[in-house]
Amino acid sequence: MKKRYVIMSVVLIMSAILGVSIYYFAEFGLRLFCRTVYLEDVPEDNRISSDTDSVIYTRKEMENEASIIVKVEVLDELSSKNSLTEYHEGYGMVIRFCALRYVRILEVYKNNGDLSVEDEFQVQESCAIYEQDGEYYYETQDDIPPLKKGTKYTLYLDNGIENMSGKPAIMNGSNGIVKVK
């Protein structure tokens, strides 16, 4: 009889430990395995700027070429979670990168028909934070800083069809971004 109580007690204690462990993992576990890295976490020596050759448009040409022109507020920070990369095994390096950033539309100036004021959607920008060989890197094009959370911008966006993410991307480097108050 005593043996039965001991076994039942052990089973109950193990069940409680397992239950707490499952709760803890569900609540906090992903953070242990998938650390989110932000720009301030990346050492200065691991910040890379790639030079690009691109056509520079005038403001009028940008207005004509853009599929979407919107005033937005940025809702998130650049992080390793919203960054995409394409790694080339032969070269042993990242060959393409971008970040998908959430924005809220404040005003629509040119539209593809799918967007309205207050809509939230993702835009692709030309920077990323990624891990390679146990170290984190920040890469951007032409030293263009990432969109800043809480800041308002007018963005000139393409249609996204040919982009790495398939989402509308900021056009023409920094020419496609106008910081507004």
C-alpha atoms as a PDB file:
ATOM      1  CA  MET A   1       0.000   0.000   0.000  1.00  0.00           C
ATOM      2  CA  LYS A   2       2.810   2.365   0.927  1.00  0.00           C
ATOM      3  CA  LYS A   3       4.575   1.515  -2.316  1.00  0.00           C
ATOM      4  CA  ARG A   4       1.441   2.509  -4.234  1.00  0.00           C
ATOM      5  CA  TYR A   5       1.359   5.952  -2.551  1.00  0.00           C
ATOM      6  CA  VAL A   6       5.028   6.507  -3.335  1.00  0.00           C
ATOM      7  CA  ILE A   7       4.501   5.597  -6.990  1.00  0.00           C
ATOM      8  CA  MET A   8       1.405   7.830  -7.205  1.00  0.00           C
ATOM      9  CA  SER A   9       3.320  10.703  -5.573  1.00  0.00           C
ATOM     10  CA  VAL A  10       6.209  10.331  -8.005  1.00  0.00           C
ATOM     11  CA  VAL A  11       3.800  10.238 -10.967  1.00  0.00           C
ATOM     12  CA  LEU A  12       1.991  13.361  -9.728  1.00  0.00           C
ATOM     13  CA  ILE A  13       5.248  15.227  -9.145  1.00  0.00           C
ATOM     14  CA  MET A  14       6.589  14.226 -12.573  1.00  0.00           C
ATOM     15  CA  SER A  15       3.283  15.287 -14.191  1.00  0.00           C
ATOM     16  CA  ALA A  16       3.474  18.671 -12.471  1.00  0.00           C
ATOM     17  CA  ILE A  17       7.088  19.150 -13.582  1.00  0.00           C
ATOM     18  CA  LEU A  18       6.196  18.131 -17.131  1.00  0.00           C
ATOM     19  CA  GLY A  19       3.189  20.483 -17.155  1.00  0.00           C
ATOM     20  CA  VAL A  20       5.270  23.423 -15.933  1.00  0.00           C
ATOM     21  CA  SER A  21       7.986  22.572 -18.477  1.00  0.00           C
ATOM     22  CA  ILE A  22       5.508  22.472 -21.348  1.00  0.00           C
ATOM     23  CA  TYR A  23       3.998  25.796 -20.229  1.00  0.00           C
ATOM     24  CA  TYR A  24       7.449  27.367 -19.871  1.00  0.00           C
ATOM     25  CA  PHE A  25       8.545  26.157 -23.306  1.00  0.00           C
ATOM     26  CA  ALA A  26       5.321  27.341 -24.959  1.00  0.00           C
ATOM     27  CA  GLU A  27       5.608  30.731 -23.276  1.00  0.00           C
ATOM     28  CA  PHE A  28       9.356  31.341 -23.403  1.00  0.00           C
ATOM     29  CA  GLY A  29      11.081  28.419 -25.122  1.00  0.00           C
ATOM     30  CA  LEU A  30      11.213  29.761 -28.663  1.00  0.00           C
ATOM     31  CA  ARG A  31      13.211  32.716 -27.427  1.00  0.00           C
ATOM     32  CA  LEU A  32      15.840  30.318 -26.114  1.00  0.00           C
ATOM     33  CA  PHE A  33      16.235  28.561 -29.454  1.00  0.00           C
ATOM     34  CA  CYS A  34      15.535  31.416 -31.885  1.00  0.00           C
ATOM     35  CA  ARG A  35      17.168  34.522 -30.487  1.00  0.00           C
ATOM     36  CA  THR A  36      15.960  37.725 -32.095  1.00  0.00           C
ATOM     37  CA  VAL A  37      18.883  39.991 -32.950  1.00  0.00           C
ATOM     38  CA  TYR A  38      18.447  43.737 -33.493  1.00  0.00           C
ATOM     39  CA  LEU A  39      20.797  46.236 -35.119  1.00  0.00           C
ATOM     40  CA  GLU A  40      22.213  47.409 -31.786  1.00  0.00           C
ATOM     41  CA  ASP A  41      23.229  43.777 -31.074  1.00  0.00           C
ATOM     42  CA  VAL A  42      25.446  43.571 -34.180  1.00  0.00           C
ATOM     43  CA  PRO A  43      29.092  44.588 -33.625  1.00  0.00           C
ATOM     44  CA  GLU A  44      30.362  47.528 -35.703  1.00  0.00           C
ATOM     45  CA  ASP A  45      32.911  45.255 -37.392  1.00  0.00           C
ATOM     46  CA  ASN A  46      30.062  43.060 -38.678  1.00  0.00           C
ATOM     47  CA  ARG A  47      28.173  45.865 -40.437  1.00  0.00           C
ATOM     48  CA  ILE A  48      28.516  45.659 -44.200  1.00  0.00           C
ATOM     49  CA  SER A  49      27.457  48.020 -46.971  1.00  0.00           C
ATOM     50  CA  SER A  50      27.268  46.670 -50.499  1.00  0.00           C
ATOM     51  CA  ASP A  51      27.669  49.116 -53.340  1.00  0.00           C
ATOM     52  CA  THR A  52      25.030  48.866 -56.049  1.00  0.00           C
ATOM     53  CA  ASP A  53      24.680  50.154 -59.549  1.00  0.00           C
ATOM     54  CA  SER A  54      21.169  51.396 -60.071  1.00  0.00           C
ATOM     55  CA  VAL A  55      19.385  53.862 -62.262  1.00  0.00           C
ATOM     56  CA  ILE A  56      18.778  57.105 -60.419  1.00  0.00           C
ATOM     57  CA  TYR A  57      15.318  58.469 -61.109  1.00  0.00           C
ATOM     58  CA  THR A  58      14.122  62.038 -60.742  1.00  0.00           C
ATOM     59  CA  ARG A  59      11.154  62.565 -58.397  1.00  0.00           C
ATOM     60  CA  LYS A  60       8.834  62.783 -61.429  1.00  0.00           C
ATOM     61  CA  GLU A  61      10.233  59.550 -62.871  1.00  0.00           C
ATOM     62  CA  MET A  62       9.809  57.894 -59.453  1.00  0.00           C
ATOM     63  CA  GLU A  63       6.160  58.933 -59.414  1.00  0.00           C
ATOM     64  CA  ASN A  64       5.656  57.431 -62.870  1.00  0.00           C
ATOM     65  CA  GLU A  65       7.599  54.199 -62.190  1.00  0.00           C
ATOM     66  CA  ALA A  66       6.175  53.437 -58.727  1.00  0.00           C
ATOM     67  CA  SER A  67       3.238  51.050 -58.471  1.00  0.00           C
ATOM     68  CA  ILE A  68       2.432  52.319 -54.984  1.00  0.00           C
ATOM     69  CA  ILE A  69       3.160  55.626 -53.262  1.00  0.00           C
ATOM     70  CA  VAL A  70       2.065  55.777 -49.624  1.00  0.00           C
ATOM     71  CA  LYS A  71       2.731  57.672 -46.438  1.00  0.00           C
ATOM     72  CA  VAL A  72       3.315  55.087 -43.716  1.00  0.00           C
ATOM     73  CA  GLU A  73       4.344  54.611 -40.119  1.00  0.00           C
ATOM     74  CA  VAL A  74       6.824  51.796 -39.464  1.00  0.00           C
ATOM     75  CA  LEU A  75       5.481  49.281 -36.924  1.00  0.00           C
ATOM     76  CA  ASP A  76       8.511  47.088 -36.230  1.00  0.00           C
ATOM     77  CA  GLU A  77      12.273  47.155 -35.883  1.00  0.00           C
ATOM     78  CA  LEU A  78      14.738  45.565 -38.254  1.00  0.00           C
ATOM     79  CA  SER A  79      15.672  42.191 -36.760  1.00  0.00           C
ATOM     80  CA  SER A  80      16.980  38.770 -37.624  1.00  0.00           C
ATOM     81  CA  LYS A  81      13.344  37.556 -37.550  1.00  0.00           C
ATOM     82  CA  ASN A  82      12.141  39.819 -40.373  1.00  0.00           C
ATOM     83  CA  SER A  83      15.280  39.400 -42.490  1.00  0.00           C
ATOM     84  CA  LEU A  84      15.598  37.053 -45.468  1.00  0.00           C
ATOM     85  CA  THR A  85      18.828  35.844 -47.029  1.00  0.00           C
ATOM     86  CA  GLU A  86      19.981  33.608 -49.838  1.00  0.00           C
ATOM     87  CA  TYR A  87      23.206  31.790 -49.045  1.00  0.00           C
ATOM     88  CA  HIS A  88      25.386  30.461 -51.876  1.00  0.00           C
ATOM     89  CA  GLU A  89      27.255  27.305 -50.825  1.00  0.00           C
ATOM     90  CA  GLY A  90      29.820  27.623 -53.631  1.00  0.00           C
ATOM     91  CA  TYR A  91      30.786  31.174 -52.672  1.00  0.00           C
ATOM     92  CA  GLY A  92      30.360  30.522 -48.949  1.00  0.00           C
ATOM     93  CA  MET A  93      28.478  33.765 -48.442  1.00  0.00           C
ATOM     94  CA  VAL A  94      25.116  35.516 -48.503  1.00  0.00           C
ATOM     95  CA  ILE A  95      24.407  36.693 -52.056  1.00  0.00           C
ATOM     96  CA  ARG A  96      20.945  38.245 -51.625  1.00  0.00           C
ATOM     97  CA  PHE A  97      19.229  39.781 -48.638  1.00  0.00           C
ATOM     98  CA  CYS A  98      16.254  41.890 -47.627  1.00  0.00           C
ATOM     99  CA  ALA A  99      13.965  42.600 -44.708  1.00  0.00           C
ATOM    100  CA  LEU A 100      10.176  42.548 -44.603  1.00  0.00           C
ATOM    101  CA  ARG A 101       8.919  45.426 -42.498  1.00  0.00           C
ATOM    102  CA  TYR A 102       5.387  46.014 -41.249  1.00  0.00           C
ATOM    103  CA  VAL A 103       3.957  49.444 -41.940  1.00  0.00           C
ATOM    104  CA  ARG A 104       0.579  51.118 -41.421  1.00  0.00           C
ATOM    105  CA  ILE A 105      -0.764  53.279 -44.239  1.00  0.00           C
ATOM    106  CA  LEU A 106      -1.529  56.876 -43.251  1.00  0.00           C
ATOM    107  CA  GLU A 107      -2.170  58.265 -46.744  1.00  0.00           C
ATOM    108  CA  VAL A 108      -2.367  56.760 -50.225  1.00  0.00           C
ATOM    109  CA  TYR A 109      -1.060  58.793 -53.173  1.00  0.00           C
ATOM    110  CA  LYS A 110      -0.826  56.063 -55.816  1.00  0.00           C
ATOM    111  CA  ASN A 111      -2.358  52.643 -55.414  1.00  0.00           C
ATOM    112  CA  ASN A 112      -2.447  49.220 -56.980  1.00  0.00           C
ATOM    113  CA  GLY A 113      -6.091  48.949 -55.928  1.00  0.00           C
ATOM    114  CA  ASP A 114      -5.499  46.740 -52.886  1.00  0.00           C
ATOM    115  CA  LEU A 115      -4.487  49.278 -50.238  1.00  0.00           C
ATOM    116  CA  SER A 116      -6.424  51.680 -48.021  1.00  0.00           C
ATOM    117  CA  VAL A 117      -5.666  54.066 -45.175  1.00  0.00           C
ATOM    118  CA  GLU A 118      -5.055  52.176 -41.880  1.00  0.00           C
ATOM    119  CA  ASP A 119      -4.128  48.948 -43.717  1.00  0.00           C
ATOM    120  CA  GLU A 120      -1.050  47.191 -42.371  1.00  0.00           C
ATOM    121  CA  PHE A 121       1.184  45.378 -44.820  1.00  0.00           C
ATOM    122  CA  GLN A 122       4.794  44.373 -45.418  1.00  0.00           C
ATOM    123  CA  VAL A 123       7.335  46.192 -47.552  1.00  0.00           C
ATOM    124  CA  GLN A 124      10.737  44.923 -48.594  1.00  0.00           C
ATOM    125  CA  GLU A 125      13.785  47.020 -47.795  1.00  0.00           C
ATOM    126  CA  SER A 126      17.375  46.450 -48.851  1.00  0.00           C
ATOM    127  CA  CYS A 127      18.986  45.431 -45.583  1.00  0.00           C
ATOM    128  CA  ALA A 128      19.078  42.404 -43.295  1.00  0.00           C
ATOM    129  CA  ILE A 129      20.458  40.959 -40.087  1.00  0.00           C
ATOM    130  CA  TYR A 130      21.637  37.385 -40.393  1.00  0.00           C
ATOM    131  CA  GLU A 131      23.798  34.764 -38.715  1.00  0.00           C
ATOM    132  CA  GLN A 132      26.751  33.196 -40.472  1.00  0.00           C
ATOM    133  CA  ASP A 133      29.418  30.991 -38.893  1.00  0.00           C
ATOM    134  CA  GLY A 134      28.126  31.766 -35.395  1.00  0.00           C
ATOM    135  CA  GLU A 135      28.265  35.555 -35.800  1.00  0.00           C
ATOM    136  CA  TYR A 136      25.548  38.064 -36.608  1.00  0.00           C
ATOM    137  CA  TYR A 137      25.901  40.539 -39.475  1.00  0.00           C
ATOM    138  CA  TYR A 138      23.997  43.589 -40.654  1.00  0.00           C
ATOM    139  CA  GLU A 139      24.123  44.218 -44.388  1.00  0.00           C
ATOM    140  CA  THR A 140      22.683  47.111 -46.336  1.00  0.00           C
ATOM    141  CA  GLN A 141      23.073  48.641 -49.774  1.00  0.00           C
ATOM    142  CA  ASP A 142      24.834  51.953 -50.326  1.00  0.00           C
ATOM    143  CA  ASP A 143      24.880  52.738 -46.564  1.00  0.00           C
ATOM    144  CA  ILE A 144      21.105  53.273 -46.533  1.00  0.00           C
ATOM    145  CA  PRO A 145      19.921  53.057 -42.902  1.00  0.00           C
ATOM    146  CA  PRO A 146      16.955  50.811 -42.098  1.00  0.00           C
ATOM    147  CA  LEU A 147      13.470  52.188 -41.615  1.00  0.00           C
ATOM    148  CA  LYS A 148      13.030  53.244 -38.006  1.00  0.00           C
ATOM    149  CA  LYS A 149      10.116  51.987 -35.894  1.00  0.00           C
ATOM    150  CA  GLY A 150       7.551  54.709 -35.166  1.00  0.00           C
ATOM    151  CA  THR A 151       8.879  56.986 -37.913  1.00  0.00           C
ATOM    152  CA  LYS A 152       6.719  58.217 -40.783  1.00  0.00           C
ATOM    153  CA  TYR A 153       7.884  58.015 -44.383  1.00  0.00           C
ATOM    154  CA  THR A 154       6.550  58.453 -47.863  1.00  0.00           C
ATOM    155  CA  LEU A 155       7.551  55.290 -49.712  1.00  0.00           C
ATOM    156  CA  TYR A 156       7.789  54.726 -53.462  1.00  0.00           C
ATOM    157  CA  LEU A 157       7.209  51.006 -53.980  1.00  0.00           C
ATOM    158  CA  ASP A 158       7.364  48.642 -56.916  1.00  0.00           C
ATOM    159  CA  ASN A 159       4.778  45.910 -57.493  1.00  0.00           C
ATOM    160  CA  GLY A 160       6.825  43.188 -55.768  1.00  0.00           C
ATOM    161  CA  ILE A 161       6.547  40.658 -58.589  1.00  0.00           C
ATOM    162  CA  GLU A 162      10.296  40.240 -59.160  1.00  0.00           C
ATOM    163  CA  ASN A 163      11.438  40.772 -55.569  1.00  0.00           C
ATOM    164  CA  MET A 164      13.107  38.234 -53.322  1.00  0.00           C
ATOM    165  CA  SER A 165      10.134  38.326 -50.940  1.00  0.00           C
ATOM    166  CA  GLY A 166       7.368  38.848 -53.493  1.00  0.00           C
ATOM    167  CA  LYS A 167       6.288  41.934 -51.515  1.00  0.00           C
ATOM    168  CA  PRO A 168       6.383  45.563 -52.706  1.00  0.00           C
ATOM    169  CA  ALA A 169       9.912  46.930 -52.312  1.00  0.00           C
ATOM    170  CA  ILE A 170      11.272  50.395 -51.764  1.00  0.00           C
ATOM    171  CA  MET A 171      12.424  51.649 -55.143  1.00  0.00           C
ATOM    172  CA  ASN A 172      15.714  53.158 -56.114  1.00  0.00           C
ATOM    173  CA  GLY A 173      17.542  52.982 -52.807  1.00  0.00           C
ATOM    174  CA  SER A 174      17.225  56.065 -50.644  1.00  0.00           C
ATOM    175  CA  ASN A 175      15.377  57.902 -53.436  1.00  0.00           C
ATOM    176  CA  GLY A 176      12.328  55.747 -52.661  1.00  0.00           C
ATOM    177  CA  ILE A 177      12.222  56.876 -49.021  1.00  0.00           C
ATOM    178  CA  VAL A 178      11.189  60.330 -47.867  1.00  0.00           C
ATOM    179  CA  LYS A 179      11.113  60.875 -44.083  1.00  0.00           C
ATOM    180  CA  VAL A 180       8.134  63.016 -43.086  1.00  0.00           C
ATOM    181  CA  LYS A 181       6.886  64.589 -39.861  1.00  0.00           C
END
